[in-house]
Amino acid sequence: MDHFAGLDLSVKETSLCIVDDTGRIVREVKVASEPEALLQVLMNPSYQFKRIGLEAGPLSQWLFGALAEAGLPVICVETRHMRAVLKAQINKTDRNDARGMAQMMRVGLYRPVHVKTLRSQKLRMLLTHRKLLQSKAIAIDNDLRATLRNFGLKVGMVGTAKFEARIKELVEDLPDLVILVEPLLIVRRVLREQVGILHSRLLAVVRDDDVCRRLMTVPGVGPVVALTYRATVDVPARFRHSKAVGAVFGLTPAKHQSGEVDRTGAISRCGDEMMRMMLYEAAQIVPVAQAAVDGMRASPTISKGGKFEGSPSARAPVFSVTRSPDA
C-alpha cells in the first residue's frame, strides 16, 4: 500500500501527517524541525512513500536536501498554490495544514517548485548580502542629505568618493552637528568597504564562470546581472523551452477570463523580484550602450554653422521606452 505525507514546517517544530492511498490517516505527529527527527519517522520500513510534500519556505531547501539524500520522494510545493488549496479549511492549524498537504500529495493536487542547488544558494546569498549593504549605505547618504537640509546645509551634486569630505566641510563650523554626523560617517565608511569586498568576490566568481562571461557579451549585461541570472535559472534543463523563463520571472502578462470577460493585465510579478529588477536595469542601459557604439562608428563633426554633420546615429539620441503587448 502506498503512503503519502505532508509536512507543515515552522522554525522549531514540524507537524507531520501520513495517509494511505485511500485517504485514511495513518499517523500524525509533531517533531523538531531537524532532519534527524523527520527521518526517524519517515524511514519507518512499514511506510511505502510515493510522495512527501513540504511547503517552500526558509527551512525547505535545507530539509529537502536532507530528505532527498536519504532517498525519500520529497516534493517542494509552490507556496501560493498550497495556500489557496488550504484556504478552504475552516480551522487554520498546523495539524490541519499537514493533513491538507498529505491529501494534496495523495490526489496529485500540487505544483512543484525547483529547489536550487547548493552553489546557486551561495551565489544568491552573495548577491543579497551585497545588495543589503549597498542599500544601507545609500540610506545613510540620503538621511544625511535630508537632515542637514533642515539647517540650510545643501550637499549638492557630489560623488561617492567625495561625499564624506563634503559633509565634513559643511559641518566643520558647527560642533554640535559634528557630534551627530560623525557616527553615521563611520558606519557609512565601513559599509562601503564591505560592499567593495563583496563586489570583488562577485567579480572573481564571474571571471571564473563561462556562462556569466558569455552573458556579459549581451549589451547592457554586466557582472551583477549575469550572476543574478545564473543563480536564478540554476539548472536550464528544467525549462522545456525558452519562453517559460519569462513566466518564471513573472514577466508575462496576467490573464483574467470568465464568461464574456477576457482581460490581459500587467505582468504577473510572481517570480524573482531581484531578477526582474536586474533585467529592467539592463534594458535601460541597452539604448545608451547602442548609442555609444553608433557614436564610435560615425563620430559627428561640426560644420562652420555650428551644426552636426554625419550619420543620424552620431547625433544626440532621443529614447522612448515602450511596453509591447507581449512583454
C-alpha atoms as a PDB file:
ATOM      1  CA  MET A   1       0.000   0.000   0.000  1.00  0.00           C
ATOM      2  CA  ASP A   2       1.289   3.442  -0.966  1.00  0.00           C
ATOM      3  CA  HIS A   3       1.602   6.175   1.610  1.00  0.00           C
ATOM      4  CA  PHE A   4       1.703   9.970   1.337  1.00  0.00           C
ATOM      5  CA  ALA A   5       2.973  12.540   3.835  1.00  0.00           C
ATOM      6  CA  GLY A   6       2.536  16.253   4.400  1.00  0.00           C
ATOM      7  CA  LEU A   7       4.964  18.386   6.407  1.00  0.00           C
ATOM      8  CA  ASP A   8       3.936  21.762   7.819  1.00  0.00           C
ATOM      9  CA  LEU A   9       7.244  23.412   8.695  1.00  0.00           C
ATOM     10  CA  SER A  10       7.983  26.005  11.338  1.00  0.00           C
ATOM     11  CA  VAL A  11      11.191  27.182  12.928  1.00  0.00           C
ATOM     12  CA  LYS A  12      11.024  24.921  15.995  1.00  0.00           C
ATOM     13  CA  GLU A  13       8.566  22.123  15.218  1.00  0.00           C
ATOM     14  CA  THR A  14       7.065  20.392  12.188  1.00  0.00           C
ATOM     15  CA  SER A  15       3.599  18.868  12.034  1.00  0.00           C
ATOM     16  CA  LEU A  16       3.671  15.617  10.066  1.00  0.00           C
ATOM     17  CA  CYS A  17       0.687  13.689   8.716  1.00  0.00           C
ATOM     18  CA  ILE A  18       0.813  10.332   6.907  1.00  0.00           C
ATOM     19  CA  VAL A  19      -2.166   8.951   4.928  1.00  0.00           C
ATOM     20  CA  ASP A  20      -2.610   5.814   2.824  1.00  0.00           C
ATOM     21  CA  ASP A  21      -3.872   5.638  -0.760  1.00  0.00           C
ATOM     22  CA  THR A  22      -7.493   5.642   0.428  1.00  0.00           C
ATOM     23  CA  GLY A  23      -7.062   8.912   2.346  1.00  0.00           C
ATOM     24  CA  ARG A  24      -7.157   7.344   5.804  1.00  0.00           C
ATOM     25  CA  ILE A  25      -4.855   8.981   8.336  1.00  0.00           C
ATOM     26  CA  VAL A  26      -2.188   6.521   9.398  1.00  0.00           C
ATOM     27  CA  ARG A  27      -0.161   8.693  11.753  1.00  0.00           C
ATOM     28  CA  GLU A  28       0.018  12.264  12.999  1.00  0.00           C
ATOM     29  CA  VAL A  29       2.947  13.554  14.974  1.00  0.00           C
ATOM     30  CA  LYS A  30       4.799  16.768  15.779  1.00  0.00           C
ATOM     31  CA  VAL A  31       8.595  16.597  15.772  1.00  0.00           C
ATOM     32  CA  ALA A  32      11.509  19.016  15.853  1.00  0.00           C
ATOM     33  CA  SER A  33      12.349  20.775  12.590  1.00  0.00           C
ATOM     34  CA  GLU A  34      15.572  18.818  12.210  1.00  0.00           C
ATOM     35  CA  PRO A  35      16.481  16.240   9.532  1.00  0.00           C
ATOM     36  CA  GLU A  36      17.248  13.568  12.143  1.00  0.00           C
ATOM     37  CA  ALA A  37      13.841  13.888  13.816  1.00  0.00           C
ATOM     38  CA  LEU A  38      11.995  13.776  10.488  1.00  0.00           C
ATOM     39  CA  LEU A  39      13.969  10.818   9.187  1.00  0.00           C
ATOM     40  CA  GLN A  40      13.297   8.870  12.369  1.00  0.00           C
ATOM     41  CA  VAL A  41       9.580   8.947  11.476  1.00  0.00           C
ATOM     42  CA  LEU A  42       9.718   8.801   7.680  1.00  0.00           C
ATOM     43  CA  MET A  43      12.276   5.981   7.420  1.00  0.00           C
ATOM     44  CA  ASN A  44       9.974   3.526   9.162  1.00  0.00           C
ATOM     45  CA  PRO A  45      10.007   0.383   6.958  1.00  0.00           C
ATOM     46  CA  SER A  46       6.237  -0.059   7.381  1.00  0.00           C
ATOM     47  CA  TYR A  47       5.624   3.002   5.180  1.00  0.00           C
ATOM     48  CA  GLN A  48       5.924   2.844   1.394  1.00  0.00           C
ATOM     49  CA  PHE A  49       6.002   6.522   0.482  1.00  0.00           C
ATOM     50  CA  LYS A  50       5.031   7.604  -3.005  1.00  0.00           C
ATOM     51  CA  ARG A  51       5.134  11.361  -2.363  1.00  0.00           C
ATOM     52  CA  ILE A  52       6.180  13.544   0.578  1.00  0.00           C
ATOM     53  CA  GLY A  53       5.241  17.207   0.320  1.00  0.00           C
ATOM     54  CA  LEU A  54       6.578  20.249   2.104  1.00  0.00           C
ATOM     55  CA  GLU A  55       5.845  23.903   1.530  1.00  0.00           C
ATOM     56  CA  ALA A  56       8.519  26.202   0.101  1.00  0.00           C
ATOM     57  CA  GLY A  57       9.972  28.351   2.873  1.00  0.00           C
ATOM     58  CA  PRO A  58      13.137  29.333   4.762  1.00  0.00           C
ATOM     59  CA  LEU A  59      13.858  25.786   6.004  1.00  0.00           C
ATOM     60  CA  SER A  60      12.570  23.903   2.956  1.00  0.00           C
ATOM     61  CA  GLN A  61      15.851  23.923   0.997  1.00  0.00           C
ATOM     62  CA  TRP A  62      17.808  22.516   3.918  1.00  0.00           C
ATOM     63  CA  LEU A  63      15.266  19.838   4.857  1.00  0.00           C
ATOM     64  CA  PHE A  64      14.540  18.996   1.210  1.00  0.00           C
ATOM     65  CA  GLY A  65      18.209  18.231   0.630  1.00  0.00           C
ATOM     66  CA  ALA A  66      18.425  16.006   3.707  1.00  0.00           C
ATOM     67  CA  LEU A  67      15.277  14.034   2.844  1.00  0.00           C
ATOM     68  CA  ALA A  68      16.220  13.667  -0.822  1.00  0.00           C
ATOM     69  CA  GLU A  69      19.694  12.469   0.144  1.00  0.00           C
ATOM     70  CA  ALA A  70      18.049   9.750   2.248  1.00  0.00           C
ATOM     71  CA  GLY A  71      16.228   8.504  -0.861  1.00  0.00           C
ATOM     72  CA  LEU A  72      12.750   9.758   0.052  1.00  0.00           C
ATOM     73  CA  PRO A  73      10.401  11.010  -2.752  1.00  0.00           C
ATOM     74  CA  VAL A  74      10.163  14.531  -1.352  1.00  0.00           C
ATOM     75  CA  ILE A  75       8.482  17.355  -3.308  1.00  0.00           C
ATOM     76  CA  CYS A  76       8.685  21.087  -2.580  1.00  0.00           C
ATOM     77  CA  VAL A  77       5.312  22.692  -3.295  1.00  0.00           C
ATOM     78  CA  GLU A  78       4.639  26.233  -4.516  1.00  0.00           C
ATOM     79  CA  THR A  79       3.509  28.416  -1.599  1.00  0.00           C
ATOM     80  CA  ARG A  80       0.669  30.401  -3.142  1.00  0.00           C
ATOM     81  CA  HIS A  81      -0.877  27.357  -4.767  1.00  0.00           C
ATOM     82  CA  MET A  82      -0.831  25.431  -1.493  1.00  0.00           C
ATOM     83  CA  ARG A  83      -2.218  28.390   0.451  1.00  0.00           C
ATOM     84  CA  ALA A  84      -5.120  28.674  -1.982  1.00  0.00           C
ATOM     85  CA  VAL A  85      -5.992  24.996  -1.546  1.00  0.00           C
ATOM     86  CA  LEU A  86      -5.710  25.023   2.253  1.00  0.00           C
ATOM     87  CA  LYS A  87      -7.747  28.217   2.459  1.00  0.00           C
ATOM     88  CA  ALA A  88     -10.912  26.099   2.079  1.00  0.00           C
ATOM     89  CA  GLN A  89     -10.378  24.779   5.624  1.00  0.00           C
ATOM     90  CA  ILE A  90     -12.469  26.392   8.324  1.00  0.00           C
ATOM     91  CA  ASN A  91      -9.916  25.983  11.113  1.00  0.00           C
ATOM     92  CA  LYS A  92      -6.336  27.030  10.405  1.00  0.00           C
ATOM     93  CA  THR A  93      -3.910  24.949  12.484  1.00  0.00           C
ATOM     94  CA  ASP A  94      -0.560  23.295  11.833  1.00  0.00           C
ATOM     95  CA  ARG A  95      -2.205  19.908  12.242  1.00  0.00           C
ATOM     96  CA  ASN A  96      -4.903  20.667   9.667  1.00  0.00           C
ATOM     97  CA  ASP A  97      -2.342  22.100   7.270  1.00  0.00           C
ATOM     98  CA  ALA A  98      -0.298  18.897   7.461  1.00  0.00           C
ATOM     99  CA  ARG A  99      -3.463  16.896   6.797  1.00  0.00           C
ATOM    100  CA  GLY A 100      -4.304  19.045   3.801  1.00  0.00           C
ATOM    101  CA  MET A 101      -0.788  18.706   2.381  1.00  0.00           C
ATOM    102  CA  ALA A 102      -0.909  14.922   2.750  1.00  0.00           C
ATOM    103  CA  GLN A 103      -4.227  14.772   0.877  1.00  0.00           C
ATOM    104  CA  MET A 104      -2.828  17.061  -1.839  1.00  0.00           C
ATOM    105  CA  MET A 105       0.052  14.664  -2.290  1.00  0.00           C
ATOM    106  CA  ARG A 106      -2.362  11.727  -2.495  1.00  0.00           C
ATOM    107  CA  VAL A 107      -4.582  13.197  -5.236  1.00  0.00           C
ATOM    108  CA  GLY A 108      -1.733  14.961  -7.057  1.00  0.00           C
ATOM    109  CA  LEU A 109      -3.180  18.441  -6.484  1.00  0.00           C
ATOM    110  CA  TYR A 110       0.070  20.357  -6.167  1.00  0.00           C
ATOM    111  CA  ARG A 111       2.514  22.481  -8.135  1.00  0.00           C
ATOM    112  CA  PRO A 112       6.163  21.572  -7.557  1.00  0.00           C
ATOM    113  CA  VAL A 113       8.881  24.202  -7.435  1.00  0.00           C
ATOM    114  CA  HIS A 114      12.559  23.902  -8.206  1.00  0.00           C
ATOM    115  CA  VAL A 115      14.888  23.720  -5.224  1.00  0.00           C
ATOM    116  CA  LYS A 116      18.123  25.482  -6.074  1.00  0.00           C
ATOM    117  CA  THR A 117      21.430  23.714  -5.938  1.00  0.00           C
ATOM    118  CA  LEU A 118      23.830  24.462  -3.105  1.00  0.00           C
ATOM    119  CA  ARG A 119      26.075  26.545  -5.368  1.00  0.00           C
ATOM    120  CA  SER A 120      23.170  28.720  -6.534  1.00  0.00           C
ATOM    121  CA  GLN A 121      22.087  29.231  -2.930  1.00  0.00           C
ATOM    122  CA  LYS A 122      25.550  30.505  -2.057  1.00  0.00           C
ATOM    123  CA  LEU A 123      25.622  32.803  -5.081  1.00  0.00           C
ATOM    124  CA  ARG A 124      22.220  34.135  -4.145  1.00  0.00           C
ATOM    125  CA  MET A 125      23.464  34.787  -0.626  1.00  0.00           C
ATOM    126  CA  LEU A 126      26.404  36.764  -2.024  1.00  0.00           C
ATOM    127  CA  LEU A 127      24.064  38.879  -4.166  1.00  0.00           C
ATOM    128  CA  THR A 128      21.565  39.583  -1.391  1.00  0.00           C
ATOM    129  CA  HIS A 129      24.231  40.492   1.166  1.00  0.00           C
ATOM    130  CA  ARG A 130      25.901  42.850  -1.290  1.00  0.00           C
ATOM    131  CA  LYS A 131      22.550  44.436  -2.104  1.00  0.00           C
ATOM    132  CA  LEU A 132      21.674  44.798   1.581  1.00  0.00           C
ATOM    133  CA  LEU A 133      24.890  46.611   2.489  1.00  0.00           C
ATOM    134  CA  GLN A 134      24.613  48.796  -0.596  1.00  0.00           C
ATOM    135  CA  SER A 135      21.046  49.812   0.247  1.00  0.00           C
ATOM    136  CA  LYS A 136      22.010  50.678   3.837  1.00  0.00           C
ATOM    137  CA  ALA A 137      24.910  52.838   2.641  1.00  0.00           C
ATOM    138  CA  ILE A 138      22.602  54.677   0.233  1.00  0.00           C
ATOM    139  CA  ALA A 139      20.044  55.138   3.022  1.00  0.00           C
ATOM    140  CA  ILE A 140      22.700  56.804   5.200  1.00  0.00           C
ATOM    141  CA  ASP A 141      23.642  59.143   2.341  1.00  0.00           C
ATOM    142  CA  ASN A 142      20.018  60.134   1.834  1.00  0.00           C
ATOM    143  CA  ASP A 143      19.453  60.617   5.557  1.00  0.00           C
ATOM    144  CA  LEU A 144      22.474  62.907   5.870  1.00  0.00           C
ATOM    145  CA  ARG A 145      21.325  64.962   2.908  1.00  0.00           C
ATOM    146  CA  ALA A 146      17.809  65.315   4.332  1.00  0.00           C
ATOM    147  CA  THR A 147      18.736  66.125   7.935  1.00  0.00           C
ATOM    148  CA  LEU A 148      21.423  68.673   7.022  1.00  0.00           C
ATOM    149  CA  ARG A 149      18.991  70.397   4.684  1.00  0.00           C
ATOM    150  CA  ASN A 150      16.927  71.358   7.739  1.00  0.00           C
ATOM    151  CA  PHE A 151      19.836  73.599   8.791  1.00  0.00           C
ATOM    152  CA  GLY A 152      20.282  75.098   5.354  1.00  0.00           C
ATOM    153  CA  LEU A 153      23.265  72.883   4.538  1.00  0.00           C
ATOM    154  CA  LYS A 154      22.988  71.608   0.972  1.00  0.00           C
ATOM    155  CA  VAL A 155      25.232  68.732  -0.042  1.00  0.00           C
ATOM    156  CA  GLY A 156      24.639  69.225  -3.764  1.00  0.00           C
ATOM    157  CA  MET A 157      25.973  67.056  -6.570  1.00  0.00           C
ATOM    158  CA  VAL A 158      28.864  65.061  -5.185  1.00  0.00           C
ATOM    159  CA  GLY A 159      30.194  61.590  -5.931  1.00  0.00           C
ATOM    160  CA  THR A 160      30.524  58.681  -3.552  1.00  0.00           C
ATOM    161  CA  ALA A 161      34.258  59.179  -3.024  1.00  0.00           C
ATOM    162  CA  LYS A 162      33.952  62.867  -2.055  1.00  0.00           C
ATOM    163  CA  PHE A 163      30.703  62.592  -0.103  1.00  0.00           C
ATOM    164  CA  GLU A 164      32.299  62.291   3.351  1.00  0.00           C
ATOM    165  CA  ALA A 165      34.643  65.208   2.745  1.00  0.00           C
ATOM    166  CA  ARG A 166      31.710  67.343   1.602  1.00  0.00           C
ATOM    167  CA  ILE A 167      29.718  66.536   4.747  1.00  0.00           C
ATOM    168  CA  LYS A 168      32.661  67.423   6.994  1.00  0.00           C
ATOM    169  CA  GLU A 169      33.142  70.664   5.087  1.00  0.00           C
ATOM    170  CA  LEU A 170      29.534  71.670   5.702  1.00  0.00           C
ATOM    171  CA  VAL A 171      29.522  70.991   9.456  1.00  0.00           C
ATOM    172  CA  GLU A 172      33.086  71.991  10.367  1.00  0.00           C
ATOM    173  CA  ASP A 173      31.872  75.250  11.962  1.00  0.00           C
ATOM    174  CA  LEU A 174      29.005  73.535  13.832  1.00  0.00           C
ATOM    175  CA  PRO A 175      30.492  71.362  16.622  1.00  0.00           C
ATOM    176  CA  ASP A 176      27.094  70.162  17.835  1.00  0.00           C
ATOM    177  CA  LEU A 177      26.296  68.783  14.370  1.00  0.00           C
ATOM    178  CA  VAL A 178      29.737  67.209  14.027  1.00  0.00           C
ATOM    179  CA  ILE A 179      28.982  65.029  17.060  1.00  0.00           C
ATOM    180  CA  LEU A 180      25.762  63.808  15.412  1.00  0.00           C
ATOM    181  CA  VAL A 181      27.131  63.331  11.916  1.00  0.00           C
ATOM    182  CA  GLU A 182      30.394  61.544  12.736  1.00  0.00           C
ATOM    183  CA  PRO A 183      28.828  58.187  13.796  1.00  0.00           C
ATOM    184  CA  LEU A 184      26.904  57.965  10.535  1.00  0.00           C
ATOM    185  CA  LEU A 185      30.014  58.723   8.520  1.00  0.00           C
ATOM    186  CA  ILE A 186      31.917  55.961  10.314  1.00  0.00           C
ATOM    187  CA  VAL A 187      29.137  53.437   9.646  1.00  0.00           C
ATOM    188  CA  ARG A 188      28.937  54.584   6.037  1.00  0.00           C
ATOM    189  CA  ARG A 189      32.694  54.150   5.597  1.00  0.00           C
ATOM    190  CA  VAL A 190      32.601  50.607   6.969  1.00  0.00           C
ATOM    191  CA  LEU A 191      29.602  49.699   4.820  1.00  0.00           C
ATOM    192  CA  ARG A 192      31.309  50.968   1.682  1.00  0.00           C
ATOM    193  CA  GLU A 193      34.440  48.984   2.488  1.00  0.00           C
ATOM    194  CA  GLN A 194      32.470  45.770   2.984  1.00  0.00           C
ATOM    195  CA  VAL A 195      30.456  46.368  -0.191  1.00  0.00           C
ATOM    196  CA  GLY A 196      33.757  46.628  -2.024  1.00  0.00           C
ATOM    197  CA  ILE A 197      34.904  43.311  -0.545  1.00  0.00           C
ATOM    198  CA  LEU A 198      31.700  41.530  -1.576  1.00  0.00           C
ATOM    199  CA  HIS A 199      31.801  43.125  -5.020  1.00  0.00           C
ATOM    200  CA  SER A 200      35.373  41.943  -5.509  1.00  0.00           C
ATOM    201  CA  ARG A 201      34.249  38.443  -4.572  1.00  0.00           C
ATOM    202  CA  LEU A 202      31.389  38.742  -7.069  1.00  0.00           C
ATOM    203  CA  LEU A 203      33.758  39.773  -9.847  1.00  0.00           C
ATOM    204  CA  ALA A 204      36.057  36.846  -9.046  1.00  0.00           C
ATOM    205  CA  VAL A 205      33.153  34.405  -9.339  1.00  0.00           C
ATOM    206  CA  VAL A 206      32.002  35.894 -12.632  1.00  0.00           C
ATOM    207  CA  ARG A 207      35.533  35.842 -14.017  1.00  0.00           C
ATOM    208  CA  ASP A 208      35.760  32.082 -13.482  1.00  0.00           C
ATOM    209  CA  ASP A 209      32.267  31.301 -14.791  1.00  0.00           C
ATOM    210  CA  ASP A 210      32.000  30.699 -18.542  1.00  0.00           C
ATOM    211  CA  VAL A 211      28.218  31.159 -18.563  1.00  0.00           C
ATOM    212  CA  CYS A 212      28.427  34.572 -16.887  1.00  0.00           C
ATOM    213  CA  ARG A 213      31.157  35.694 -19.260  1.00  0.00           C
ATOM    214  CA  ARG A 214      29.018  34.631 -22.207  1.00  0.00           C
ATOM    215  CA  LEU A 215      26.011  36.510 -20.826  1.00  0.00           C
ATOM    216  CA  MET A 216      28.114  39.658 -20.489  1.00  0.00           C
ATOM    217  CA  THR A 217      28.529  39.779 -24.263  1.00  0.00           C
ATOM    218  CA  VAL A 218      24.880  40.935 -24.383  1.00  0.00           C
ATOM    219  CA  PRO A 219      24.611  44.769 -24.421  1.00  0.00           C
ATOM    220  CA  GLY A 220      23.592  46.121 -21.027  1.00  0.00           C
ATOM    221  CA  VAL A 221      24.503  42.964 -19.095  1.00  0.00           C
ATOM    222  CA  GLY A 222      27.248  43.385 -16.520  1.00  0.00           C
ATOM    223  CA  PRO A 223      28.678  41.120 -13.816  1.00  0.00           C
ATOM    224  CA  VAL A 224      25.814  41.641 -11.350  1.00  0.00           C
ATOM    225  CA  VAL A 225      23.067  40.991 -13.900  1.00  0.00           C
ATOM    226  CA  ALA A 226      24.888  37.975 -15.318  1.00  0.00           C
ATOM    227  CA  LEU A 227      25.452  36.372 -11.915  1.00  0.00           C
ATOM    228  CA  THR A 228      21.871  37.070 -10.815  1.00  0.00           C
ATOM    229  CA  TYR A 229      20.568  35.383 -13.972  1.00  0.00           C
ATOM    230  CA  ARG A 230      22.945  32.462 -13.488  1.00  0.00           C
ATOM    231  CA  ALA A 231      21.858  31.895  -9.889  1.00  0.00           C
ATOM    232  CA  THR A 232      18.142  32.308 -10.629  1.00  0.00           C
ATOM    233  CA  VAL A 233      17.992  29.968 -13.624  1.00  0.00           C
ATOM    234  CA  ASP A 234      20.276  27.485 -11.832  1.00  0.00           C
ATOM    235  CA  VAL A 235      19.526  24.386 -13.964  1.00  0.00           C
ATOM    236  CA  PRO A 236      18.499  25.369 -17.528  1.00  0.00           C
ATOM    237  CA  ALA A 237      17.302  21.819 -18.285  1.00  0.00           C
ATOM    238  CA  ARG A 238      14.280  22.350 -16.001  1.00  0.00           C
ATOM    239  CA  PHE A 239      12.719  24.621 -18.641  1.00  0.00           C
ATOM    240  CA  ARG A 240      11.016  22.934 -21.580  1.00  0.00           C
ATOM    241  CA  HIS A 241      11.535  25.954 -23.832  1.00  0.00           C
ATOM    242  CA  SER A 242      12.990  29.448 -23.552  1.00  0.00           C
ATOM    243  CA  LYS A 243       9.577  31.154 -23.325  1.00  0.00           C
ATOM    244  CA  ALA A 244       8.997  29.513 -19.957  1.00  0.00           C
ATOM    245  CA  VAL A 245      11.852  31.529 -18.411  1.00  0.00           C
ATOM    246  CA  GLY A 246       9.917  34.792 -18.706  1.00  0.00           C
ATOM    247  CA  ALA A 247       6.911  33.266 -16.954  1.00  0.00           C
ATOM    248  CA  VAL A 248       9.066  32.017 -14.075  1.00  0.00           C
ATOM    249  CA  PHE A 249      10.495  35.527 -13.675  1.00  0.00           C
ATOM    250  CA  GLY A 250       6.979  36.996 -13.563  1.00  0.00           C
ATOM    251  CA  LEU A 251       7.436  38.931 -16.812  1.00  0.00           C
ATOM    252  CA  THR A 252       4.422  37.553 -18.697  1.00  0.00           C
ATOM    253  CA  PRO A 253       1.005  39.264 -18.599  1.00  0.00           C
ATOM    254  CA  ALA A 254      -1.574  38.030 -16.125  1.00  0.00           C
ATOM    255  CA  LYS A 255      -4.824  36.938 -17.773  1.00  0.00           C
ATOM    256  CA  HIS A 256      -8.387  37.023 -16.427  1.00  0.00           C
ATOM    257  CA  GLN A 257     -11.058  35.258 -18.469  1.00  0.00           C
ATOM    258  CA  SER A 258     -14.547  34.442 -17.230  1.00  0.00           C
ATOM    259  CA  GLY A 259     -17.596  34.222 -19.464  1.00  0.00           C
ATOM    260  CA  GLU A 260     -17.589  37.256 -21.757  1.00  0.00           C
ATOM    261  CA  VAL A 261     -14.777  38.918 -19.810  1.00  0.00           C
ATOM    262  CA  ASP A 262     -11.331  38.416 -21.313  1.00  0.00           C
ATOM    263  CA  ARG A 263      -8.758  40.805 -19.938  1.00  0.00           C
ATOM    264  CA  THR A 264      -4.980  40.793 -20.237  1.00  0.00           C
ATOM    265  CA  GLY A 265      -3.400  42.702 -17.402  1.00  0.00           C
ATOM    266  CA  ALA A 266       0.080  43.774 -16.370  1.00  0.00           C
ATOM    267  CA  ILE A 267       2.932  41.363 -15.794  1.00  0.00           C
ATOM    268  CA  SER A 268       2.248  38.807 -13.102  1.00  0.00           C
ATOM    269  CA  ARG A 269       5.269  39.702 -10.915  1.00  0.00           C
ATOM    270  CA  CYS A 270       5.053  36.235  -9.404  1.00  0.00           C
ATOM    271  CA  GLY A 271       8.699  35.339  -9.869  1.00  0.00           C
ATOM    272  CA  ASP A 272      12.014  36.567  -8.552  1.00  0.00           C
ATOM    273  CA  GLU A 273      11.846  40.299  -7.769  1.00  0.00           C
ATOM    274  CA  MET A 274      15.612  40.795  -7.811  1.00  0.00           C
ATOM    275  CA  MET A 275      15.890  39.158 -11.236  1.00  0.00           C
ATOM    276  CA  ARG A 276      13.151  41.379 -12.678  1.00  0.00           C
ATOM    277  CA  MET A 277      14.869  44.464 -11.319  1.00  0.00           C
ATOM    278  CA  MET A 278      18.217  43.427 -12.788  1.00  0.00           C
ATOM    279  CA  LEU A 279      16.690  42.759 -16.221  1.00  0.00           C
ATOM    280  CA  TYR A 280      14.899  46.104 -16.129  1.00  0.00           C
ATOM    281  CA  GLU A 281      18.114  47.945 -15.322  1.00  0.00           C
ATOM    282  CA  ALA A 282      19.914  46.103 -18.109  1.00  0.00           C
ATOM    283  CA  ALA A 283      17.142  47.056 -20.553  1.00  0.00           C
ATOM    284  CA  GLN A 284      17.550  50.714 -19.605  1.00  0.00           C
ATOM    285  CA  ILE A 285      21.250  50.558 -20.431  1.00  0.00           C
ATOM    286  CA  VAL A 286      20.779  48.975 -23.875  1.00  0.00           C
ATOM    287  CA  PRO A 287      19.816  52.238 -25.713  1.00  0.00           C
ATOM    288  CA  VAL A 288      22.723  54.092 -24.107  1.00  0.00           C
ATOM    289  CA  ALA A 289      25.181  51.322 -24.952  1.00  0.00           C
ATOM    290  CA  GLN A 290      23.932  51.149 -28.534  1.00  0.00           C
ATOM    291  CA  ALA A 291      24.196  54.920 -28.908  1.00  0.00           C
ATOM    292  CA  ALA A 292      27.798  54.768 -27.720  1.00  0.00           C
ATOM    293  CA  VAL A 293      28.598  52.089 -30.289  1.00  0.00           C
ATOM    294  CA  ASP A 294      26.920  54.073 -33.060  1.00  0.00           C
ATOM    295  CA  GLY A 295      28.771  57.171 -31.968  1.00  0.00           C
ATOM    296  CA  MET A 296      32.119  55.392 -32.293  1.00  0.00           C
ATOM    297  CA  ARG A 297      31.170  54.112 -35.739  1.00  0.00           C
ATOM    298  CA  ALA A 298      30.371  57.557 -37.061  1.00  0.00           C
ATOM    299  CA  SER A 299      31.735  60.367 -34.911  1.00  0.00           C
ATOM    300  CA  PRO A 300      29.949  63.655 -35.629  1.00  0.00           C
ATOM    301  CA  THR A 301      31.733  66.709 -36.950  1.00  0.00           C
ATOM    302  CA  ILE A 302      30.658  70.312 -36.526  1.00  0.00           C
ATOM    303  CA  SER A 303      30.315  72.472 -39.611  1.00  0.00           C
ATOM    304  CA  LYS A 304      31.108  76.160 -39.806  1.00  0.00           C
ATOM    305  CA  GLY A 305      27.499  76.958 -38.990  1.00  0.00           C
ATOM    306  CA  GLY A 306      27.722  75.080 -35.720  1.00  0.00           C
ATOM    307  CA  LYS A 307      25.509  72.167 -36.830  1.00  0.00           C
ATOM    308  CA  PHE A 308      26.210  68.448 -36.552  1.00  0.00           C
ATOM    309  CA  GLU A 309      27.202  66.613 -39.691  1.00  0.00           C
ATOM    310  CA  GLY A 310      27.378  62.899 -40.284  1.00  0.00           C
ATOM    311  CA  SER A 311      25.017  59.994 -39.848  1.00  0.00           C
ATOM    312  CA  PRO A 312      21.844  60.407 -37.720  1.00  0.00           C
ATOM    313  CA  SER A 313      23.146  57.826 -35.282  1.00  0.00           C
ATOM    314  CA  ALA A 314      26.041  60.109 -34.405  1.00  0.00           C
ATOM    315  CA  ARG A 315      23.746  62.817 -33.118  1.00  0.00           C
ATOM    316  CA  ALA A 316      22.373  63.112 -29.611  1.00  0.00           C
ATOM    317  CA  PRO A 317      19.920  60.212 -29.285  1.00  0.00           C
ATOM    318  CA  VAL A 318      16.372  60.515 -28.053  1.00  0.00           C
ATOM    319  CA  PHE A 319      14.910  57.383 -26.495  1.00  0.00           C
ATOM    320  CA  SER A 320      11.352  56.277 -25.921  1.00  0.00           C
ATOM    321  CA  VAL A 321      10.769  53.299 -23.659  1.00  0.00           C
ATOM    322  CA  THR A 322       7.559  51.470 -24.530  1.00  0.00           C
ATOM    323  CA  ARG A 323       5.996  48.236 -23.406  1.00  0.00           C
ATOM    324  CA  SER A 324       4.851  45.848 -26.086  1.00  0.00           C
ATOM    325  CA  PRO A 325       1.592  43.903 -25.608  1.00  0.00           C
ATOM    326  CA  ASP A 326       3.549  40.638 -25.417  1.00  0.00           C
ATOM    327  CA  ALA A 327       6.065  41.887 -22.832  1.00  0.00           C
END
